Amino acid sequence: MLVAPPPAAHLPLVVPAAAATLVAYTVAGCALGCLSGLLPGLHANNFAMLLAAVAPAVDAPPLPLGCAMLSAGVVHTFLDVVPSLALGVPDAAMAVSALPGHRLVIEGRGREALRLSALGSGGAILLAVPAAVPLTAAMRAAYGELRAALPLLLLGVVVALVASEPTWRRRVGGAVAFLLAASLGHAALSLPVRGALGAGGVLTPLFAGLFGAPVLLDALDGGGVPAQADARLALGRRDVAATTAAGTAAGAAVGYLPGVSAGVASTLALPLTRGRDPAREYVVATSGANTATAVFALFAFAALDAPRSGVLVAMRDAGVPAALPTFVPVVVVAAAVGFLAVLVVGNAAFRVVGAVNQRRLVGSVLALLVALSWLFAGAAGVVVLAAAAVVGLVPPRLGCRRVHLMGVLLGPLVVGG
């Protein structure tokens, strides 16, 4: 027998209202992700922690709050390439040791680098979402054995990373940089810090010091951003696709393993690419790994209750449920916003930065890093920032990659298990 539907007056109205709330929080998160991505030294993790801290006071619903945190984190993975390329342009004498993206900017190919980064991140979303389902099922089955062998596995990552350097001199330099960063991490990660905002932690000054301040210091005497040519790609479609796939695979390692950054994973994944243009392939692979991490880490959080990013830790602390059917569309929408924002904002950033005095600009950004370190970790954070900056200056002087500085997390995990 057919049952008549309930009268219109009794139809539940909560679903459209709830959907509107989710959309509003997602849009707000995208805006926060754009802000954090464009401000050097600030990360979506910081906003996520602040949102988690203020959520009880403003009575924010957990699920919409999670949409805001997650969308901010995804958009950030697209936009953070903009200040990285536009601000850290070194003097010509340091060009050999500059990051691959900076070398492209020096050559006038910064707009191309932005487009390569956007393609790497956007393609990684398309590959990671369907791949995450079977991969997460496999990881769930093997998670116990993997966790037991984690220190040995991470040690293997460290050895492979050092061995990936092309010469013995650079391998020794990589080992020295790793040990210095690991010692710094061992000393700093256990510090009882508390910033003026009441939320944050020591990771903000640590990473700003290791990866932000040294690049800016080397750029103090740089000539600024030169005139940039058109955005035509010198990397073929097949090369972009293959490198994006390698970056996505690297993102899986980041998403499921603690302590492995996108830079570490993509460096190890580069041998899987065609190797025709290492600088451009590095930009694509690193961007792809960075964005794919958000997808794989989300699935790991839902299936394994293992938050692998600061955003997901903040979501767990705020009591956000692991609602994949809601969060996967949020990731896709945020990725579309991030993709368009890179292309629009990135070109404008090159024009603005190119018109500003280099020393004043770099000095202002360094002052911003000091202020953020104090806000999120207090006076101890400023000390950690300075110590990390000293360590961060070591790799280019020894001729090795900066990626060895991820020993700040890998080292304590290898030792502590």
Protein backbone atom coordinates (compact mmCIF):
# COMPACT_ATOMS: atom_id res chain seq x y z
CA MET A 1 0.00 0.00 0.00
CA LEU A 2 1.27 3.44 -0.90
CA VAL A 3 1.85 5.85 1.95
CA ALA A 4 1.02 9.47 1.31
CA PRO A 5 3.82 11.95 1.87
CA PRO A 6 3.53 14.20 4.91
CA PRO A 7 1.86 17.58 4.44
CA ALA A 8 4.13 20.35 3.20
CA ALA A 9 3.84 22.13 6.52
CA HIS A 10 5.50 19.17 8.23
CA LEU A 11 8.37 18.63 5.75
CA PRO A 12 11.74 18.99 7.48
CA LEU A 13 13.28 22.39 6.73
CA VAL A 14 16.53 21.66 8.53
CA VAL A 15 18.23 20.11 5.49
CA PRO A 16 18.27 23.25 3.28
CA ALA A 17 19.19 25.38 6.28
CA ALA A 18 22.00 23.01 7.22
CA ALA A 19 23.26 22.95 3.63
CA ALA A 20 23.31 26.76 3.53
CA THR A 21 25.30 26.80 6.76
CA LEU A 22 27.84 24.32 5.38
CA VAL A 23 28.24 26.42 2.22
CA ALA A 24 28.69 29.63 4.23
CA TYR A 25 31.38 28.08 6.43
CA THR A 26 33.10 26.57 3.39
CA VAL A 27 33.23 29.96 1.66
CA ALA A 28 34.57 31.57 4.83
CA GLY A 29 37.22 28.85 5.05
CA CYS A 30 38.26 29.47 1.45
CA ALA A 31 38.74 33.15 2.28
CA LEU A 32 40.88 32.26 5.31
CA GLY A 33 42.90 29.86 3.16
CA CYS A 34 43.60 32.63 0.65
CA LEU A 35 44.75 34.90 3.48
CA SER A 36 46.99 32.31 5.10
CA GLY A 37 48.39 31.22 1.76
CA LEU A 38 49.38 34.76 0.79
CA LEU A 39 50.90 35.72 4.16
CA PRO A 40 54.38 34.18 4.56
CA GLY A 41 54.86 32.39 7.86
CA LEU A 42 51.13 31.95 8.40
CA HIS A 43 49.53 28.58 7.79
CA ALA A 44 46.00 27.27 7.66
CA ASN A 45 46.98 25.24 10.73
CA ASN A 46 47.16 28.51 12.67
CA PHE A 47 43.65 29.54 11.64
CA ALA A 48 42.35 26.03 12.35
CA MET A 49 43.79 26.12 15.88
CA LEU A 50 42.31 29.56 16.48
CA LEU A 51 38.91 28.40 15.21
CA ALA A 52 39.08 25.37 17.50
CA ALA A 53 39.94 27.61 20.44
CA VAL A 54 37.10 30.09 19.88
CA ALA A 55 34.48 27.56 18.76
CA PRO A 56 33.03 26.99 22.28
CA ALA A 57 32.69 30.73 22.86
CA VAL A 58 30.79 31.40 19.62
CA ASP A 59 28.85 28.11 19.76
CA ALA A 60 29.96 27.12 16.24
CA PRO A 61 28.44 23.80 15.08
CA PRO A 62 31.17 21.13 14.75
CA LEU A 63 30.41 19.97 11.19
CA PRO A 64 30.29 23.46 9.57
CA LEU A 65 33.36 24.41 11.59
CA GLY A 66 35.15 21.41 10.11
CA CYS A 67 34.14 22.57 6.61
CA ALA A 68 35.76 25.95 7.28
CA MET A 69 38.96 24.38 8.63
CA LEU A 70 39.25 21.88 5.81
CA SER A 71 38.52 24.31 2.98
CA ALA A 72 41.06 26.75 4.42
CA GLY A 73 43.68 24.01 4.48
CA VAL A 74 43.02 22.96 0.87
CA VAL A 75 43.06 26.50 -0.53
CA HIS A 76 46.26 27.20 1.38
CA THR A 77 48.02 24.35 -0.44
CA PHE A 78 47.33 26.16 -3.72
CA LEU A 79 48.11 29.74 -2.65
CA ASP A 80 51.24 29.24 -0.55
CA VAL A 81 53.33 29.03 -3.73
CA VAL A 82 52.66 32.74 -4.43
CA PRO A 83 54.72 34.29 -1.58
CA SER A 84 57.26 31.50 -1.94
CA LEU A 85 57.94 32.53 -5.54
CA ALA A 86 57.40 36.27 -5.26
CA LEU A 87 59.30 37.08 -2.05
CA GLY A 88 62.26 34.73 -1.88
CA VAL A 89 64.13 35.85 -5.01
CA PRO A 90 67.84 35.75 -4.07
CA ASP A 91 70.85 37.61 -5.31
CA ALA A 92 72.31 36.27 -8.55
CA ALA A 93 75.26 34.86 -6.63
CA MET A 94 72.87 32.60 -4.69
CA ALA A 95 70.87 31.53 -7.74
CA VAL A 96 72.60 28.14 -7.99
CA SER A 97 71.45 27.17 -4.49
CA ALA A 98 67.99 28.73 -4.84
CA LEU A 99 64.87 26.63 -4.85
CA PRO A 100 63.77 25.45 -8.32
CA GLY A 101 60.80 27.80 -8.31
CA HIS A 102 63.01 30.78 -7.52
CA ARG A 103 65.33 29.90 -10.39
CA LEU A 104 62.34 30.02 -12.74
CA VAL A 105 61.40 33.46 -11.40
CA ILE A 106 64.97 34.69 -11.92
CA GLU A 107 64.71 33.48 -15.52
CA GLY A 108 61.46 35.42 -15.96
CA ARG A 109 59.32 32.29 -15.92
CA GLY A 110 57.46 32.96 -12.67
CA ARG A 111 54.03 33.07 -14.32
CA GLU A 112 54.76 29.70 -15.86
CA ALA A 113 55.79 28.39 -12.42
CA LEU A 114 52.45 29.55 -11.00
CA ARG A 115 50.59 27.75 -13.76
CA LEU A 116 52.65 24.59 -13.25
CA SER A 117 51.92 24.70 -9.53
CA ALA A 118 48.18 25.16 -10.12
CA LEU A 119 48.13 22.25 -12.58
CA GLY A 120 50.04 20.03 -10.16
CA SER A 121 47.70 20.81 -7.29
CA GLY A 122 44.52 20.62 -9.37
CA GLY A 123 45.53 17.38 -11.05
CA ALA A 124 46.44 15.88 -7.69
CA ILE A 125 42.90 16.44 -6.43
CA LEU A 126 41.47 14.63 -9.45
CA LEU A 127 43.80 11.68 -8.91
CA ALA A 128 43.80 11.53 -5.12
CA VAL A 129 40.05 11.46 -4.44
CA PRO A 130 39.36 8.18 -6.29
CA ALA A 131 42.72 6.67 -5.28
CA ALA A 132 42.16 7.37 -1.59
CA VAL A 133 39.32 4.83 -1.24
CA PRO A 134 41.23 1.62 -2.08
CA LEU A 135 44.49 2.93 -0.63
CA THR A 136 42.85 3.73 2.70
CA ALA A 137 41.31 0.24 2.81
CA ALA A 138 44.77 -1.26 2.25
CA MET A 139 46.31 0.99 4.89
CA ARG A 140 43.61 0.03 7.39
CA ALA A 141 44.49 -3.62 6.93
CA ALA A 142 48.24 -3.04 7.31
CA TYR A 143 48.18 -0.17 9.82
CA GLY A 144 49.16 -2.25 12.85
CA GLU A 145 52.29 -3.66 11.21
CA LEU A 146 53.14 -0.28 9.68
CA ARG A 147 52.88 1.49 13.02
CA ALA A 148 55.13 -1.08 14.68
CA ALA A 149 57.77 -0.63 11.98
CA LEU A 150 57.41 3.16 11.77
CA PRO A 151 60.83 4.16 13.24
CA LEU A 152 62.64 1.80 10.87
CA LEU A 153 60.54 2.98 7.93
CA LEU A 154 61.24 6.64 8.67
CA LEU A 155 64.95 5.88 9.05
CA GLY A 156 64.82 4.38 5.57
CA VAL A 157 63.23 7.62 4.32
CA VAL A 158 66.09 9.62 5.85
CA VAL A 159 68.76 7.40 4.29
CA ALA A 160 67.06 7.54 0.88
CA LEU A 161 66.77 11.31 1.11
CA VAL A 162 70.48 11.76 1.84
CA ALA A 163 71.41 9.22 -0.83
CA SER A 164 69.35 11.13 -3.40
CA GLU A 165 71.94 13.92 -3.39
CA PRO A 166 74.08 13.62 -6.55
CA THR A 167 77.57 13.87 -4.96
CA TRP A 168 79.24 12.65 -1.77
CA ARG A 169 79.98 16.23 -0.72
CA ARG A 170 76.31 17.10 -0.94
CA ARG A 171 75.33 13.88 0.82
CA VAL A 172 77.57 14.81 3.76
CA GLY A 173 76.01 18.27 3.73
CA GLY A 174 72.54 16.72 3.75
CA ALA A 175 73.43 14.51 6.71
CA VAL A 176 74.80 17.51 8.63
CA ALA A 177 71.70 19.58 7.88
CA PHE A 178 69.45 16.70 8.94
CA LEU A 179 71.28 16.19 12.25
CA LEU A 180 71.19 19.90 13.07
CA ALA A 181 67.47 20.09 12.33
CA ALA A 182 66.78 16.90 14.30
CA SER A 183 68.65 18.32 17.31
CA LEU A 184 66.68 21.53 17.05
CA GLY A 185 63.42 19.59 16.88
CA HIS A 186 64.35 17.48 19.89
CA ALA A 187 65.03 20.62 21.92
CA ALA A 188 62.14 22.78 20.70
CA LEU A 189 59.17 20.45 20.30
CA SER A 190 58.94 19.77 24.03
CA LEU A 191 59.07 23.45 25.04
CA PRO A 192 56.02 24.61 27.04
CA VAL A 193 55.19 27.64 24.91
CA ARG A 194 52.12 29.85 25.03
CA GLY A 195 51.57 32.78 22.73
CA ALA A 196 49.53 35.92 23.12
CA LEU A 197 46.65 34.37 21.14
CA GLY A 198 46.33 31.41 23.48
CA ALA A 199 46.41 28.99 20.56
CA GLY A 200 49.22 27.84 18.33
CA GLY A 201 52.49 26.23 19.28
CA VAL A 202 56.15 25.99 18.50
CA LEU A 203 55.70 24.67 14.94
CA THR A 204 54.96 28.17 13.63
CA PRO A 205 58.37 29.66 14.58
CA LEU A 206 60.15 26.40 13.79
CA PHE A 207 59.00 26.22 10.18
CA ALA A 208 59.14 29.98 9.66
CA GLY A 209 62.75 29.89 10.85
CA LEU A 210 63.84 26.83 8.91
CA PHE A 211 62.15 27.50 5.58
CA GLY A 212 61.04 31.15 5.54
CA ALA A 213 63.60 33.39 7.22
CA PRO A 214 66.73 31.89 5.53
CA VAL A 215 65.27 32.34 2.05
CA LEU A 216 64.34 35.93 2.90
CA LEU A 217 67.78 36.66 4.37
CA ASP A 218 69.40 35.41 1.17
CA ALA A 219 67.03 37.65 -0.77
CA LEU A 220 67.88 40.84 1.16
CA ASP A 221 70.46 41.90 -1.40
CA GLY A 222 68.59 40.41 -4.34
CA GLY A 223 67.44 42.43 -7.28
CA GLY A 224 63.76 41.73 -6.64
CA VAL A 225 61.36 40.13 -9.08
CA PRO A 226 62.49 40.73 -12.67
CA ALA A 227 60.05 41.25 -15.51
CA GLN A 228 58.10 38.05 -16.10
CA ALA A 229 57.41 36.60 -19.53
CA ASP A 230 54.22 34.89 -20.64
CA ALA A 231 52.76 31.84 -18.91
CA ARG A 232 53.28 29.35 -21.75
CA LEU A 233 54.43 25.97 -20.47
CA ALA A 234 57.81 24.60 -21.49
CA LEU A 235 56.81 21.25 -19.98
CA GLY A 236 54.74 18.94 -22.21
CA ARG A 237 51.33 17.64 -21.23
CA ARG A 238 52.59 14.10 -20.71
CA ASP A 239 55.41 15.37 -18.50
CA VAL A 240 52.96 17.44 -16.44
CA ALA A 241 50.63 14.44 -16.09
CA ALA A 242 53.43 12.03 -15.14
CA THR A 243 54.91 14.46 -12.61
CA THR A 244 51.47 15.17 -11.13
CA ALA A 245 50.95 11.43 -10.69
CA ALA A 246 54.33 11.14 -8.97
CA GLY A 247 53.45 14.04 -6.69
CA THR A 248 50.09 12.47 -5.86
CA ALA A 249 51.83 9.22 -4.93
CA ALA A 250 54.16 11.24 -2.74
CA GLY A 251 51.13 12.87 -1.13
CA ALA A 252 49.89 9.44 -0.10
CA ALA A 253 53.10 8.92 1.88
CA VAL A 254 52.61 12.29 3.56
CA GLY A 255 48.96 11.62 4.29
CA TYR A 256 49.50 8.30 6.01
CA LEU A 257 52.98 8.64 7.55
CA PRO A 258 53.81 11.14 10.30
CA GLY A 259 56.80 13.44 9.88
CA VAL A 260 57.10 13.09 6.09
CA SER A 261 56.54 16.45 4.38
CA ALA A 262 55.41 17.05 0.81
CA GLY A 263 58.93 18.22 -0.02
CA VAL A 264 60.48 15.01 1.31
CA ALA A 265 58.02 12.75 -0.46
CA SER A 266 58.15 14.58 -3.78
CA THR A 267 61.96 14.60 -3.73
CA LEU A 268 61.91 10.82 -3.39
CA ALA A 269 59.22 10.57 -6.07
CA LEU A 270 61.09 12.65 -8.68
CA PRO A 271 63.05 9.63 -9.99
CA LEU A 272 59.65 8.28 -11.10
CA THR A 273 59.21 11.24 -13.46
CA ARG A 274 60.67 11.64 -16.94
CA GLY A 275 63.50 13.83 -15.66
CA ARG A 276 63.53 16.10 -18.70
CA ASP A 277 63.23 19.36 -16.75
CA PRO A 278 64.02 18.89 -13.04
CA ALA A 279 63.16 22.46 -11.95
CA ARG A 280 59.71 22.49 -13.54
CA GLU A 281 59.00 18.90 -12.54
CA TYR A 282 59.91 19.74 -8.94
CA VAL A 283 57.37 22.58 -8.88
CA VAL A 284 54.62 20.31 -10.24
CA ALA A 285 55.49 17.36 -8.00
CA THR A 286 55.79 19.37 -4.80
CA SER A 287 52.55 21.25 -5.42
CA GLY A 288 50.77 18.00 -6.27
CA ALA A 289 52.09 16.27 -3.17
CA ASN A 290 51.17 19.24 -0.98
CA THR A 291 47.55 19.26 -2.15
CA ALA A 292 47.10 15.49 -2.40
CA THR A 293 48.14 15.28 1.23
CA ALA A 294 44.94 17.07 2.23
CA VAL A 295 42.89 14.32 0.59
CA PHE A 296 44.83 11.30 1.84
CA ALA A 297 45.17 12.78 5.34
CA LEU A 298 41.41 13.33 5.47
CA PHE A 299 40.75 9.68 4.59
CA ALA A 300 43.36 8.56 7.13
CA PHE A 301 41.66 10.70 9.75
CA ALA A 302 38.27 9.14 8.98
CA ALA A 303 39.41 5.52 8.71
CA LEU A 304 42.34 5.32 11.12
CA ASP A 305 41.58 8.13 13.59
CA ALA A 306 45.09 9.40 12.77
CA PRO A 307 45.23 13.17 12.12
CA ARG A 308 48.31 13.81 9.94
CA SER A 309 48.09 17.59 9.70
CA GLY A 310 47.60 20.55 12.00
CA VAL A 311 44.21 21.22 10.43
CA LEU A 312 42.98 17.70 11.20
CA VAL A 313 44.39 17.84 14.74
CA ALA A 314 42.41 21.05 15.29
CA MET A 315 39.30 19.41 13.81
CA ARG A 316 39.63 16.48 16.19
CA ASP A 317 40.17 18.82 19.17
CA ALA A 318 37.02 20.75 18.18
CA GLY A 319 34.96 17.55 18.12
CA VAL A 320 34.39 17.63 14.36
CA PRO A 321 33.01 14.30 13.08
CA ALA A 322 34.86 12.54 10.27
CA ALA A 323 32.01 12.98 7.77
CA LEU A 324 33.58 12.01 4.45
CA PRO A 325 30.37 12.39 2.37
CA THR A 326 30.30 16.04 3.43
CA PHE A 327 34.03 16.75 3.39
CA VAL A 328 34.92 15.31 -0.03
CA PRO A 329 32.72 17.86 -1.89
CA VAL A 330 34.19 20.57 0.34
CA VAL A 331 37.69 19.55 -0.77
CA VAL A 332 36.67 19.66 -4.45
CA VAL A 333 35.06 23.11 -4.12
CA ALA A 334 38.05 24.48 -2.20
CA ALA A 335 40.40 23.08 -4.85
CA ALA A 336 38.49 24.91 -7.60
CA VAL A 337 38.71 28.16 -5.63
CA GLY A 338 42.42 27.65 -4.98
CA PHE A 339 43.16 26.86 -8.63
CA LEU A 340 41.55 30.08 -9.88
CA ALA A 341 43.02 32.17 -7.08
CA VAL A 342 46.60 31.13 -7.91
CA LEU A 343 46.26 32.27 -11.49
CA VAL A 344 44.52 35.57 -10.65
CA VAL A 345 46.36 36.61 -7.48
CA GLY A 346 49.77 35.22 -8.46
CA ASN A 347 50.19 37.42 -11.51
CA ALA A 348 49.16 40.48 -9.51
CA ALA A 349 51.65 39.55 -6.75
CA PHE A 350 54.55 39.57 -9.20
CA ARG A 351 53.58 43.03 -10.42
CA VAL A 352 53.20 44.44 -6.89
CA VAL A 353 56.37 42.89 -5.49
CA GLY A 354 58.37 43.91 -8.55
CA ALA A 355 57.46 47.57 -7.91
CA VAL A 356 58.50 47.57 -4.22
CA ASN A 357 61.98 48.10 -2.80
CA GLN A 358 63.41 44.61 -2.18
CA ARG A 359 65.17 45.31 1.13
CA ARG A 360 62.17 47.07 2.64
CA LEU A 361 59.83 44.34 1.51
CA VAL A 362 62.01 41.52 2.83
CA GLY A 363 62.63 43.40 6.08
CA SER A 364 58.89 43.86 6.56
CA VAL A 365 58.21 40.17 5.98
CA LEU A 366 60.96 39.18 8.43
CA ALA A 367 59.36 41.48 11.02
CA LEU A 368 56.03 39.77 10.31
CA LEU A 369 57.60 36.35 10.99
CA VAL A 370 58.90 37.63 14.34
CA ALA A 371 55.45 39.00 15.23
CA LEU A 372 53.71 35.74 14.28
CA SER A 373 56.21 33.70 16.28
CA TRP A 374 55.47 35.85 19.34
CA LEU A 375 51.70 35.69 18.82
CA PHE A 376 51.64 31.89 18.52
CA ALA A 377 54.50 30.90 20.85
CA GLY A 378 55.49 33.91 22.96
CA ALA A 379 59.05 35.03 23.68
CA ALA A 380 60.28 31.44 23.46
CA GLY A 381 58.89 31.34 19.92
CA VAL A 382 61.05 34.29 18.89
CA VAL A 383 64.13 32.50 20.27
CA VAL A 384 63.14 29.32 18.40
CA LEU A 385 62.66 31.38 15.21
CA ALA A 386 66.20 32.79 15.49
CA ALA A 387 67.76 29.39 16.21
CA ALA A 388 65.84 27.76 13.37
CA ALA A 389 66.91 30.53 10.97
CA VAL A 390 70.57 29.81 11.73
CA VAL A 391 70.04 26.11 11.01
CA GLY A 392 68.05 26.98 7.89
CA LEU A 393 71.01 28.88 6.44
CA VAL A 394 73.17 25.73 6.48
CA PRO A 395 71.89 23.70 3.44
CA PRO A 396 72.62 26.30 0.72
CA ARG A 397 76.08 26.89 2.21
CA LEU A 398 76.81 23.16 2.07
CA GLY A 399 75.28 22.81 -1.40
CA CYS A 400 72.50 20.40 -0.40
CA ARG A 401 68.70 20.62 -0.56
CA ARG A 402 66.69 22.38 2.12
CA VAL A 403 64.40 19.36 2.35
CA HIS A 404 66.85 17.74 4.81
CA LEU A 405 65.66 20.30 7.35
CA MET A 406 62.52 18.17 7.76
CA GLY A 407 64.73 16.29 10.18
CA VAL A 408 63.14 18.66 12.70
CA LEU A 409 60.18 16.23 12.72
CA LEU A 410 61.69 13.05 11.29
CA GLY A 411 64.58 12.95 13.77
CA PRO A 412 62.50 12.90 16.97
CA LEU A 413 60.11 10.37 15.42
CA VAL A 414 62.94 8.01 14.43
CA VAL A 415 64.43 8.19 17.92
CA GLY A 416 61.17 8.25 19.86
CA GLY A 417 59.24 5.76 17.72
